[in-house]
Amino acid sequence: MDTQPHLPPGAGLFADWITPGQEVALAAFLNAGDWSSELKRRVRHFGYRYDYRARSATRDSRIGPLPEVLQGLAERLVVERLFAAVPDQVIANEYLPGQGISAHVDCEPCFGDVVASLSLLSACEMRFACLESGETRAVILPPRSLLVLAGPARSNWTHAIPARRSDVSDGVRMMRGRRVSLTFRTMRF
């Protein structure tokens, strides 16, 4: 795990959490299904549907068990002691170059104490902001990396992806490609 000083307290970044072959298989699985265009970006829900308008997910929003390919990753999160219980909700977000997501904290009444996001296909910069102090930090999320948010990083810091076509890392401009993230969460009931 990389606990870089530019990550908020409680966050960890695991490089190459999956193999390139697993990344290709996950992208193919996601591409074979139906994406929703209810947002500015395309999304897919697994386990439970998150209602963006109501900002909630409930028992009634269950859409079925996680597909086997996602269930295996969810179980691995417990084996590696990143989650106490197997995540039962996953959202896939597709980001095309120029797309991002505004600063937010994942719904605390809806989801458990840990959120993990697996990046596929392209790198991007994620920005964090402390709700109490206003301090900001940023980190590049490489393809196949797993970002884990727990403790203060989960509840006291927002996270966002700037809507742009490129990012700069160590003075080098990196053009963004299509990026898909898989965010694993555990429902609170």
N, C-alpha and C. Protein backbone atom coordinates (compact mmCIF):
# COMPACT_ATOMS: atom_id res chain seq x y z
N MET A 1 0.85 -1.18 0.00
CA MET A 1 0.00 0.00 0.00
C MET A 1 0.88 1.23 0.00
N ASP A 2 0.46 2.22 -0.72
CA ASP A 2 1.16 3.50 -0.77
C ASP A 2 0.38 4.49 0.09
N THR A 3 0.97 4.94 1.16
CA THR A 3 0.33 5.96 2.00
C THR A 3 1.09 7.27 1.79
N GLN A 4 1.07 7.75 0.58
CA GLN A 4 1.79 8.94 0.19
C GLN A 4 1.35 10.13 1.03
N PRO A 5 2.26 11.07 1.28
CA PRO A 5 1.90 12.24 2.08
C PRO A 5 0.81 13.09 1.43
N HIS A 6 0.58 12.94 0.13
CA HIS A 6 -0.46 13.74 -0.51
C HIS A 6 -1.82 13.06 -0.48
N LEU A 7 -1.91 11.87 0.14
CA LEU A 7 -3.21 11.25 0.39
C LEU A 7 -3.75 11.75 1.73
N PRO A 8 -5.06 11.88 1.87
CA PRO A 8 -5.60 12.26 3.17
C PRO A 8 -5.39 11.16 4.21
N PRO A 9 -5.41 11.48 5.49
CA PRO A 9 -5.27 10.46 6.53
C PRO A 9 -6.38 9.41 6.40
N GLY A 10 -6.00 8.15 6.45
CA GLY A 10 -6.97 7.06 6.32
C GLY A 10 -7.11 6.53 4.90
N ALA A 11 -6.44 7.16 3.95
CA ALA A 11 -6.50 6.70 2.55
C ALA A 11 -5.28 5.86 2.23
N GLY A 12 -5.45 4.91 1.35
CA GLY A 12 -4.34 4.10 0.86
C GLY A 12 -4.49 3.87 -0.63
N LEU A 13 -3.39 3.77 -1.31
CA LEU A 13 -3.39 3.53 -2.76
C LEU A 13 -2.54 2.30 -3.03
N PHE A 14 -3.15 1.29 -3.64
CA PHE A 14 -2.49 0.03 -3.96
C PHE A 14 -2.26 -0.02 -5.46
N ALA A 15 -1.01 0.09 -5.89
CA ALA A 15 -0.68 0.04 -7.31
C ALA A 15 -0.83 -1.40 -7.82
N ASP A 16 -1.24 -1.54 -9.07
CA ASP A 16 -1.35 -2.86 -9.71
C ASP A 16 -2.09 -3.87 -8.84
N TRP A 17 -3.24 -3.46 -8.31
CA TRP A 17 -4.05 -4.35 -7.47
C TRP A 17 -4.63 -5.50 -8.29
N ILE A 18 -4.81 -5.27 -9.57
CA ILE A 18 -5.21 -6.34 -10.49
C ILE A 18 -4.19 -6.39 -11.62
N THR A 19 -4.20 -7.50 -12.36
CA THR A 19 -3.27 -7.68 -13.48
C THR A 19 -3.84 -7.03 -14.75
N PRO A 20 -2.99 -6.79 -15.75
CA PRO A 20 -3.51 -6.28 -17.03
C PRO A 20 -4.59 -7.21 -17.62
N GLY A 21 -4.42 -8.52 -17.48
CA GLY A 21 -5.42 -9.46 -17.99
C GLY A 21 -6.76 -9.31 -17.27
N GLN A 22 -6.72 -9.12 -15.96
CA GLN A 22 -7.95 -8.90 -15.20
C GLN A 22 -8.61 -7.59 -15.62
N GLU A 23 -7.80 -6.59 -15.87
CA GLU A 23 -8.34 -5.30 -16.31
C GLU A 23 -9.09 -5.45 -17.64
N VAL A 24 -8.50 -6.18 -18.59
CA VAL A 24 -9.15 -6.40 -19.89
C VAL A 24 -10.46 -7.17 -19.70
N ALA A 25 -10.44 -8.19 -18.84
CA ALA A 25 -11.64 -8.99 -18.60
C ALA A 25 -12.74 -8.16 -17.95
N LEU A 26 -12.38 -7.32 -16.98
CA LEU A 26 -13.38 -6.47 -16.33
C LEU A 26 -13.97 -5.46 -17.31
N ALA A 27 -13.13 -4.86 -18.15
CA ALA A 27 -13.62 -3.91 -19.14
C ALA A 27 -14.57 -4.59 -20.13
N ALA A 28 -14.22 -5.80 -20.55
CA ALA A 28 -15.08 -6.54 -21.47
C ALA A 28 -16.42 -6.88 -20.82
N PHE A 29 -16.39 -7.30 -19.55
CA PHE A 29 -17.62 -7.59 -18.81
C PHE A 29 -18.50 -6.34 -18.75
N LEU A 30 -17.92 -5.21 -18.39
CA LEU A 30 -18.71 -3.98 -18.28
C LEU A 30 -19.23 -3.52 -19.64
N ASN A 31 -18.40 -3.62 -20.67
CA ASN A 31 -18.81 -3.19 -22.01
C ASN A 31 -19.95 -4.03 -22.57
N ALA A 32 -20.06 -5.29 -22.12
CA ALA A 32 -21.09 -6.19 -22.64
C ALA A 32 -22.46 -5.90 -22.04
N GLY A 33 -22.53 -5.08 -20.99
CA GLY A 33 -23.81 -4.80 -20.33
C GLY A 33 -24.39 -3.46 -20.72
N ASP A 34 -25.53 -3.17 -20.13
CA ASP A 34 -26.24 -1.92 -20.42
C ASP A 34 -25.82 -0.83 -19.44
N TRP A 35 -25.40 0.28 -19.97
CA TRP A 35 -25.01 1.44 -19.18
C TRP A 35 -26.20 2.39 -19.08
N SER A 36 -26.31 3.08 -17.95
CA SER A 36 -27.32 4.12 -17.78
C SER A 36 -26.69 5.46 -18.13
N SER A 37 -27.46 6.31 -18.78
CA SER A 37 -27.00 7.65 -19.13
C SER A 37 -27.73 8.71 -18.33
N GLU A 38 -28.16 8.36 -17.10
CA GLU A 38 -28.92 9.30 -16.27
C GLU A 38 -28.08 10.48 -15.80
N LEU A 39 -26.76 10.36 -15.85
CA LEU A 39 -25.86 11.44 -15.43
C LEU A 39 -25.10 11.96 -16.65
N LYS A 40 -24.19 12.89 -16.42
CA LYS A 40 -23.34 13.38 -17.51
C LYS A 40 -22.36 12.31 -17.96
N ARG A 41 -22.15 11.31 -17.11
CA ARG A 41 -21.30 10.17 -17.45
C ARG A 41 -22.17 8.91 -17.39
N ARG A 42 -21.70 7.85 -18.02
CA ARG A 42 -22.46 6.61 -17.99
C ARG A 42 -22.12 5.83 -16.71
N VAL A 43 -23.13 5.13 -16.16
CA VAL A 43 -22.95 4.36 -14.94
C VAL A 43 -23.64 3.00 -15.05
N ARG A 44 -23.17 2.08 -14.23
CA ARG A 44 -23.83 0.78 -14.05
C ARG A 44 -23.84 0.48 -12.56
N HIS A 45 -24.95 -0.02 -12.05
CA HIS A 45 -25.08 -0.39 -10.64
C HIS A 45 -25.15 -1.90 -10.50
N PHE A 46 -24.57 -2.40 -9.41
CA PHE A 46 -24.61 -3.83 -9.09
C PHE A 46 -24.93 -3.97 -7.61
N GLY A 47 -25.77 -4.95 -7.28
CA GLY A 47 -26.15 -5.19 -5.90
C GLY A 47 -27.33 -4.32 -5.50
N TYR A 48 -27.10 -3.03 -5.41
CA TYR A 48 -28.13 -2.04 -5.06
C TYR A 48 -27.97 -0.83 -5.97
N ARG A 49 -29.11 -0.25 -6.33
CA ARG A 49 -29.10 0.96 -7.15
C ARG A 49 -29.05 2.18 -6.23
N TYR A 50 -28.17 3.11 -6.54
CA TYR A 50 -28.09 4.37 -5.80
C TYR A 50 -28.97 5.38 -6.52
N ASP A 51 -29.86 6.03 -5.78
CA ASP A 51 -30.76 7.04 -6.33
C ASP A 51 -30.09 8.40 -6.19
N TYR A 52 -29.63 8.96 -7.30
CA TYR A 52 -28.90 10.22 -7.29
C TYR A 52 -29.77 11.40 -6.88
N ARG A 53 -31.04 11.37 -7.25
CA ARG A 53 -31.94 12.48 -6.89
C ARG A 53 -32.22 12.49 -5.39
N ALA A 54 -32.53 11.32 -4.83
CA ALA A 54 -32.84 11.23 -3.40
C ALA A 54 -31.56 11.13 -2.55
N ARG A 55 -30.44 10.90 -3.22
CA ARG A 55 -29.15 10.69 -2.53
C ARG A 55 -29.26 9.59 -1.49
N SER A 56 -29.79 8.44 -1.96
CA SER A 56 -29.96 7.34 -1.02
C SER A 56 -29.97 6.00 -1.75
N ALA A 57 -29.77 4.96 -0.96
CA ALA A 57 -29.93 3.58 -1.41
C ALA A 57 -30.54 2.84 -0.21
N THR A 58 -31.53 2.01 -0.48
CA THR A 58 -32.26 1.32 0.59
C THR A 58 -32.37 -0.16 0.25
N ARG A 59 -32.94 -0.92 1.18
CA ARG A 59 -33.19 -2.35 0.94
C ARG A 59 -34.01 -2.54 -0.33
N ASP A 60 -34.94 -1.62 -0.56
CA ASP A 60 -35.82 -1.72 -1.73
C ASP A 60 -35.10 -1.45 -3.05
N SER A 61 -33.88 -0.92 -2.97
CA SER A 61 -33.14 -0.63 -4.19
C SER A 61 -32.28 -1.81 -4.65
N ARG A 62 -32.46 -2.97 -4.02
CA ARG A 62 -31.68 -4.16 -4.39
C ARG A 62 -32.04 -4.59 -5.80
N ILE A 63 -31.01 -4.85 -6.60
CA ILE A 63 -31.23 -5.30 -7.97
C ILE A 63 -30.66 -6.70 -8.21
N GLY A 64 -30.11 -7.31 -7.16
CA GLY A 64 -29.62 -8.67 -7.27
C GLY A 64 -28.23 -8.83 -6.68
N PRO A 65 -27.74 -10.06 -6.65
CA PRO A 65 -26.39 -10.29 -6.12
C PRO A 65 -25.33 -9.73 -7.06
N LEU A 66 -24.15 -9.51 -6.51
CA LEU A 66 -23.05 -9.06 -7.38
C LEU A 66 -22.72 -10.15 -8.38
N PRO A 67 -22.41 -9.79 -9.62
CA PRO A 67 -21.94 -10.78 -10.59
C PRO A 67 -20.65 -11.44 -10.06
N GLU A 68 -20.42 -12.66 -10.47
CA GLU A 68 -19.29 -13.46 -9.96
C GLU A 68 -17.96 -12.71 -10.05
N VAL A 69 -17.71 -12.04 -11.16
CA VAL A 69 -16.43 -11.34 -11.35
C VAL A 69 -16.25 -10.23 -10.31
N LEU A 70 -17.33 -9.56 -9.93
CA LEU A 70 -17.25 -8.51 -8.92
C LEU A 70 -17.27 -9.09 -7.51
N GLN A 71 -18.01 -10.18 -7.32
CA GLN A 71 -18.06 -10.84 -6.02
C GLN A 71 -16.67 -11.31 -5.60
N GLY A 72 -15.91 -11.84 -6.54
CA GLY A 72 -14.55 -12.30 -6.24
C GLY A 72 -13.66 -11.16 -5.76
N LEU A 73 -13.78 -9.99 -6.39
CA LEU A 73 -13.00 -8.83 -5.96
C LEU A 73 -13.48 -8.34 -4.61
N ALA A 74 -14.80 -8.35 -4.38
CA ALA A 74 -15.36 -7.93 -3.10
C ALA A 74 -14.85 -8.82 -1.97
N GLU A 75 -14.80 -10.12 -2.21
CA GLU A 75 -14.30 -11.05 -1.20
C GLU A 75 -12.80 -10.83 -0.94
N ARG A 76 -12.07 -10.52 -1.98
CA ARG A 76 -10.64 -10.25 -1.81
C ARG A 76 -10.40 -9.05 -0.90
N LEU A 77 -11.28 -8.04 -0.96
CA LEU A 77 -11.15 -6.87 -0.09
C LEU A 77 -11.22 -7.26 1.39
N VAL A 78 -12.01 -8.28 1.70
CA VAL A 78 -12.10 -8.77 3.08
C VAL A 78 -10.88 -9.61 3.43
N VAL A 79 -10.47 -10.48 2.51
CA VAL A 79 -9.28 -11.31 2.74
C VAL A 79 -8.07 -10.44 3.02
N GLU A 80 -7.95 -9.33 2.31
CA GLU A 80 -6.82 -8.41 2.49
C GLU A 80 -7.05 -7.42 3.64
N ARG A 81 -8.13 -7.62 4.38
CA ARG A 81 -8.47 -6.83 5.57
C ARG A 81 -8.67 -5.36 5.28
N LEU A 82 -9.16 -5.07 4.09
CA LEU A 82 -9.49 -3.69 3.74
C LEU A 82 -10.93 -3.36 4.12
N PHE A 83 -11.79 -4.37 4.15
CA PHE A 83 -13.19 -4.27 4.57
C PHE A 83 -13.43 -5.31 5.65
N ALA A 84 -14.31 -5.00 6.61
CA ALA A 84 -14.68 -5.96 7.65
C ALA A 84 -15.72 -6.95 7.13
N ALA A 85 -16.57 -6.51 6.21
CA ALA A 85 -17.61 -7.35 5.61
C ALA A 85 -17.53 -7.22 4.09
N VAL A 86 -17.99 -8.24 3.39
CA VAL A 86 -17.92 -8.24 1.93
C VAL A 86 -18.81 -7.13 1.36
N PRO A 87 -18.25 -6.23 0.56
CA PRO A 87 -19.07 -5.19 -0.06
C PRO A 87 -20.19 -5.82 -0.89
N ASP A 88 -21.36 -5.19 -0.83
CA ASP A 88 -22.52 -5.72 -1.54
C ASP A 88 -23.11 -4.73 -2.54
N GLN A 89 -22.40 -3.61 -2.75
CA GLN A 89 -22.85 -2.61 -3.71
C GLN A 89 -21.64 -2.14 -4.50
N VAL A 90 -21.78 -2.11 -5.83
CA VAL A 90 -20.70 -1.64 -6.70
C VAL A 90 -21.32 -0.72 -7.75
N ILE A 91 -20.64 0.38 -7.99
CA ILE A 91 -21.04 1.24 -9.09
C ILE A 91 -19.87 1.36 -10.05
N ALA A 92 -20.16 1.21 -11.32
CA ALA A 92 -19.17 1.44 -12.37
C ALA A 92 -19.46 2.82 -12.95
N ASN A 93 -18.44 3.66 -13.01
CA ASN A 93 -18.53 5.00 -13.60
C ASN A 93 -17.60 5.05 -14.81
N GLU A 94 -18.11 5.55 -15.92
CA GLU A 94 -17.28 5.73 -17.11
C GLU A 94 -16.97 7.22 -17.26
N TYR A 95 -15.69 7.52 -17.41
CA TYR A 95 -15.25 8.90 -17.60
C TYR A 95 -14.53 8.99 -18.94
N LEU A 96 -15.08 9.74 -19.86
CA LEU A 96 -14.41 10.02 -21.12
C LEU A 96 -13.51 11.23 -20.91
N PRO A 97 -12.48 11.43 -21.74
CA PRO A 97 -11.62 12.61 -21.58
C PRO A 97 -12.48 13.88 -21.50
N GLY A 98 -12.20 14.70 -20.50
CA GLY A 98 -12.98 15.92 -20.30
C GLY A 98 -14.08 15.77 -19.25
N GLN A 99 -14.40 14.54 -18.84
CA GLN A 99 -15.43 14.33 -17.83
C GLN A 99 -14.80 14.15 -16.45
N GLY A 100 -15.54 14.51 -15.43
CA GLY A 100 -15.09 14.33 -14.06
C GLY A 100 -16.27 14.12 -13.15
N ILE A 101 -16.02 14.31 -11.85
CA ILE A 101 -17.09 14.21 -10.85
C ILE A 101 -16.82 15.27 -9.80
N SER A 102 -17.88 15.94 -9.38
CA SER A 102 -17.72 17.04 -8.43
C SER A 102 -17.35 16.52 -7.04
N ALA A 103 -16.86 17.42 -6.22
CA ALA A 103 -16.42 17.07 -4.86
C ALA A 103 -17.59 16.53 -4.05
N HIS A 104 -17.35 15.41 -3.37
CA HIS A 104 -18.41 14.78 -2.58
C HIS A 104 -17.82 13.83 -1.55
N VAL A 105 -18.63 13.46 -0.59
CA VAL A 105 -18.37 12.37 0.34
C VAL A 105 -19.45 11.35 0.04
N ASP A 106 -19.07 10.08 -0.18
CA ASP A 106 -20.07 9.05 -0.46
C ASP A 106 -21.08 9.01 0.68
N CYS A 107 -22.34 8.83 0.35
CA CYS A 107 -23.46 8.86 1.28
C CYS A 107 -23.16 8.07 2.56
N GLU A 108 -23.00 8.80 3.67
CA GLU A 108 -22.66 8.12 4.93
C GLU A 108 -23.84 7.34 5.53
N PRO A 109 -25.08 7.83 5.45
CA PRO A 109 -26.17 7.00 5.96
C PRO A 109 -26.40 5.73 5.12
N CYS A 110 -25.96 5.75 3.86
CA CYS A 110 -26.20 4.63 2.95
C CYS A 110 -25.11 3.55 3.04
N PHE A 111 -23.84 4.00 3.11
CA PHE A 111 -22.72 3.09 2.92
C PHE A 111 -21.81 3.05 4.15
N GLY A 112 -21.11 1.94 4.31
CA GLY A 112 -20.26 1.68 5.46
C GLY A 112 -19.03 2.57 5.56
N ASP A 113 -18.16 2.19 6.49
CA ASP A 113 -17.01 3.00 6.88
C ASP A 113 -15.85 2.99 5.89
N VAL A 114 -15.91 2.12 4.89
CA VAL A 114 -14.82 2.02 3.91
C VAL A 114 -15.41 2.07 2.51
N VAL A 115 -14.75 2.80 1.64
CA VAL A 115 -15.09 2.87 0.21
C VAL A 115 -13.81 2.58 -0.55
N ALA A 116 -13.89 1.70 -1.56
CA ALA A 116 -12.71 1.39 -2.37
C ALA A 116 -13.05 1.55 -3.84
N SER A 117 -12.14 2.18 -4.57
CA SER A 117 -12.37 2.42 -5.99
C SER A 117 -11.21 1.88 -6.81
N LEU A 118 -11.54 1.01 -7.75
CA LEU A 118 -10.57 0.38 -8.65
C LEU A 118 -10.59 1.12 -9.98
N SER A 119 -9.44 1.64 -10.41
CA SER A 119 -9.33 2.38 -11.67
C SER A 119 -8.96 1.44 -12.81
N LEU A 120 -9.65 1.58 -13.92
CA LEU A 120 -9.40 0.77 -15.11
C LEU A 120 -9.10 1.67 -16.31
N LEU A 121 -8.20 1.25 -17.15
CA LEU A 121 -7.95 1.75 -18.51
C LEU A 121 -7.13 3.04 -18.62
N SER A 122 -7.33 4.02 -17.76
CA SER A 122 -6.61 5.29 -17.90
C SER A 122 -6.38 5.90 -16.52
N ALA A 123 -5.30 6.65 -16.41
CA ALA A 123 -5.00 7.37 -15.16
C ALA A 123 -5.81 8.66 -15.12
N CYS A 124 -5.96 9.21 -13.91
CA CYS A 124 -6.54 10.54 -13.74
C CYS A 124 -6.11 11.07 -12.39
N GLU A 125 -6.25 12.37 -12.23
CA GLU A 125 -5.96 12.99 -10.95
C GLU A 125 -7.23 13.02 -10.11
N MET A 126 -7.09 12.65 -8.83
CA MET A 126 -8.18 12.82 -7.88
C MET A 126 -7.75 13.90 -6.89
N ARG A 127 -8.67 14.79 -6.60
CA ARG A 127 -8.40 15.88 -5.65
C ARG A 127 -9.20 15.64 -4.38
N PHE A 128 -8.59 15.96 -3.26
CA PHE A 128 -9.21 15.81 -1.95
C PHE A 128 -9.24 17.17 -1.28
N ALA A 129 -10.29 17.43 -0.48
CA ALA A 129 -10.38 18.67 0.29
C ALA A 129 -10.93 18.35 1.67
N CYS A 130 -10.25 18.83 2.70
CA CYS A 130 -10.67 18.62 4.08
C CYS A 130 -11.86 19.53 4.39
N LEU A 131 -12.93 18.94 4.89
CA LEU A 131 -14.13 19.72 5.19
C LEU A 131 -13.91 20.71 6.33
N GLU A 132 -13.01 20.37 7.25
CA GLU A 132 -12.79 21.23 8.42
C GLU A 132 -11.80 22.37 8.13
N SER A 133 -10.68 22.04 7.52
CA SER A 133 -9.62 23.04 7.35
C SER A 133 -9.58 23.67 5.96
N GLY A 134 -10.17 23.01 4.98
CA GLY A 134 -10.08 23.48 3.60
C GLY A 134 -8.81 23.06 2.89
N GLU A 135 -7.91 22.35 3.60
CA GLU A 135 -6.67 21.86 2.99
C GLU A 135 -7.01 20.99 1.78
N THR A 136 -6.21 21.10 0.73
CA THR A 136 -6.42 20.28 -0.47
C THR A 136 -5.18 19.45 -0.75
N ARG A 137 -5.41 18.31 -1.35
CA ARG A 137 -4.35 17.40 -1.77
C ARG A 137 -4.78 16.77 -3.10
N ALA A 138 -3.82 16.21 -3.83
CA ALA A 138 -4.13 15.56 -5.10
C ALA A 138 -3.21 14.38 -5.31
N VAL A 139 -3.71 13.38 -6.02
CA VAL A 139 -2.93 12.19 -6.33
C VAL A 139 -3.36 11.67 -7.70
N ILE A 140 -2.40 11.11 -8.43
CA ILE A 140 -2.72 10.44 -9.70
C ILE A 140 -3.12 9.00 -9.39
N LEU A 141 -4.26 8.58 -9.92
CA LEU A 141 -4.72 7.20 -9.79
C LEU A 141 -4.35 6.44 -11.06
N PRO A 142 -3.34 5.58 -11.00
CA PRO A 142 -2.95 4.83 -12.20
C PRO A 142 -3.96 3.73 -12.54
N PRO A 143 -3.98 3.28 -13.79
CA PRO A 143 -4.81 2.13 -14.13
C PRO A 143 -4.43 0.93 -13.26
N ARG A 144 -5.43 0.16 -12.88
CA ARG A 144 -5.30 -1.07 -12.09
C ARG A 144 -5.01 -0.79 -10.62
N SER A 145 -5.03 0.48 -10.22
CA SER A 145 -4.78 0.80 -8.81
C SER A 145 -6.10 0.80 -8.04
N LEU A 146 -5.97 0.53 -6.74
CA LEU A 146 -7.12 0.52 -5.84
C LEU A 146 -6.92 1.64 -4.82
N LEU A 147 -7.87 2.57 -4.76
CA LEU A 147 -7.87 3.63 -3.77
C LEU A 147 -8.85 3.23 -2.66
N VAL A 148 -8.37 3.21 -1.42
CA VAL A 148 -9.22 2.86 -0.28
C VAL A 148 -9.36 4.10 0.60
N LEU A 149 -10.61 4.45 0.90
CA LEU A 149 -10.91 5.59 1.77
C LEU A 149 -11.55 5.06 3.05
N ALA A 150 -10.90 5.32 4.18
CA ALA A 150 -11.40 4.92 5.49
C ALA A 150 -11.08 6.04 6.47
N GLY A 151 -11.66 5.97 7.66
CA GLY A 151 -11.37 6.98 8.69
C GLY A 151 -11.63 8.38 8.18
N PRO A 152 -10.71 9.32 8.49
CA PRO A 152 -10.92 10.71 8.06
C PRO A 152 -11.07 10.86 6.54
N ALA A 153 -10.35 10.08 5.76
CA ALA A 153 -10.45 10.18 4.30
C ALA A 153 -11.84 9.84 3.81
N ARG A 154 -12.53 8.98 4.53
CA ARG A 154 -13.89 8.56 4.15
C ARG A 154 -14.93 9.62 4.52
N SER A 155 -14.80 10.23 5.69
CA SER A 155 -15.88 11.08 6.17
C SER A 155 -15.53 12.56 6.31
N ASN A 156 -14.25 12.91 6.44
CA ASN A 156 -13.87 14.31 6.67
C ASN A 156 -13.26 14.99 5.45
N TRP A 157 -13.08 14.27 4.37
CA TRP A 157 -12.50 14.82 3.14
C TRP A 157 -13.42 14.53 1.97
N THR A 158 -13.62 15.51 1.11
CA THR A 158 -14.31 15.26 -0.16
C THR A 158 -13.29 14.73 -1.16
N HIS A 159 -13.79 14.06 -2.19
CA HIS A 159 -12.93 13.65 -3.30
C HIS A 159 -13.63 14.04 -4.60
N ALA A 160 -12.82 14.35 -5.61
CA ALA A 160 -13.34 14.83 -6.89
C ALA A 160 -12.35 14.49 -7.99
N ILE A 161 -12.86 14.43 -9.22
CA ILE A 161 -12.02 14.29 -10.40
C ILE A 161 -12.29 15.51 -11.27
N PRO A 162 -11.27 16.36 -11.48
CA PRO A 162 -11.48 17.54 -12.31
C PRO A 162 -11.88 17.15 -13.74
N ALA A 163 -12.84 17.88 -14.29
CA ALA A 163 -13.30 17.63 -15.66
C ALA A 163 -12.32 18.28 -16.63
N ARG A 164 -11.40 17.48 -17.14
CA ARG A 164 -10.41 17.98 -18.10
C ARG A 164 -9.89 16.81 -18.93
N ARG A 165 -9.14 17.14 -19.96
CA ARG A 165 -8.66 16.12 -20.90
C ARG A 165 -7.28 15.59 -20.58
N SER A 166 -6.56 16.26 -19.65
CA SER A 166 -5.21 15.81 -19.30
C SER A 166 -4.90 16.19 -17.86
N ASP A 167 -3.87 15.55 -17.33
CA ASP A 167 -3.38 15.84 -15.99
C ASP A 167 -1.87 16.00 -16.08
N VAL A 168 -1.29 16.69 -15.10
CA VAL A 168 0.16 16.87 -15.05
C VAL A 168 0.68 16.14 -13.82
N SER A 169 1.69 15.30 -14.04
CA SER A 169 2.33 14.57 -12.95
C SER A 169 3.84 14.71 -13.11
N ASP A 170 4.50 15.19 -12.07
CA ASP A 170 5.95 15.39 -12.10
C ASP A 170 6.38 16.21 -13.32
N GLY A 171 5.60 17.21 -13.66
CA GLY A 171 5.92 18.10 -14.77
C GLY A 171 5.60 17.55 -16.14
N VAL A 172 5.03 16.35 -16.21
CA VAL A 172 4.71 15.72 -17.49
C VAL A 172 3.20 15.70 -17.69
N ARG A 173 2.75 16.22 -18.83
CA ARG A 173 1.32 16.20 -19.15
C ARG A 173 0.93 14.82 -19.67
N MET A 174 -0.12 14.26 -19.07
CA MET A 174 -0.63 12.94 -19.46
C MET A 174 -2.05 13.12 -20.01
N MET A 175 -2.25 12.72 -21.24
CA MET A 175 -3.58 12.79 -21.83
C MET A 175 -4.44 11.68 -21.23
N ARG A 176 -5.66 12.00 -20.91
CA ARG A 176 -6.59 11.00 -20.39
C ARG A 176 -7.21 10.22 -21.54
N GLY A 177 -7.44 8.95 -21.29
CA GLY A 177 -8.23 8.11 -22.17
C GLY A 177 -9.54 7.79 -21.48
N ARG A 178 -10.29 6.87 -22.02
CA ARG A 178 -11.50 6.40 -21.35
C ARG A 178 -11.09 5.73 -20.04
N ARG A 179 -11.70 6.14 -18.96
CA ARG A 179 -11.43 5.54 -17.64
C ARG A 179 -12.74 5.01 -17.08
N VAL A 180 -12.66 3.85 -16.48
CA VAL A 180 -13.80 3.27 -15.78
C VAL A 180 -13.35 3.01 -14.35
N SER A 181 -14.19 3.39 -13.40
CA SER A 181 -13.90 3.07 -12.01
C SER A 181 -14.96 2.11 -11.49
N LEU A 182 -14.54 1.19 -10.63
CA LEU A 182 -15.46 0.30 -9.93
C LEU A 182 -15.36 0.66 -8.46
N THR A 183 -16.44 1.19 -7.89
CA THR A 183 -16.44 1.60 -6.49
C THR A 183 -17.21 0.58 -5.67
N PHE A 184 -16.52 0.01 -4.67
CA PHE A 184 -17.08 -1.03 -3.80
C PHE A 184 -17.49 -0.40 -2.48
N ARG A 185 -18.72 -0.72 -2.06
CA ARG A 185 -19.25 -0.19 -0.81
C ARG A 185 -20.12 -1.25 -0.13
N THR A 186 -20.31 -1.09 1.16
CA THR A 186 -21.17 -1.99 1.93
C THR A 186 -22.40 -1.21 2.38
N MET A 187 -23.57 -1.76 2.09
CA MET A 187 -24.81 -1.09 2.48
C MET A 187 -24.94 -1.07 4.00
N ARG A 188 -25.51 0.03 4.53
CA ARG A 188 -25.84 0.13 5.96
C ARG A 188 -27.36 -0.06 6.10
N PHE A 189 -27.74 -1.03 6.88
CA PHE A 189 -29.18 -1.21 7.16
C PHE A 189 -29.39 -1.29 8.64
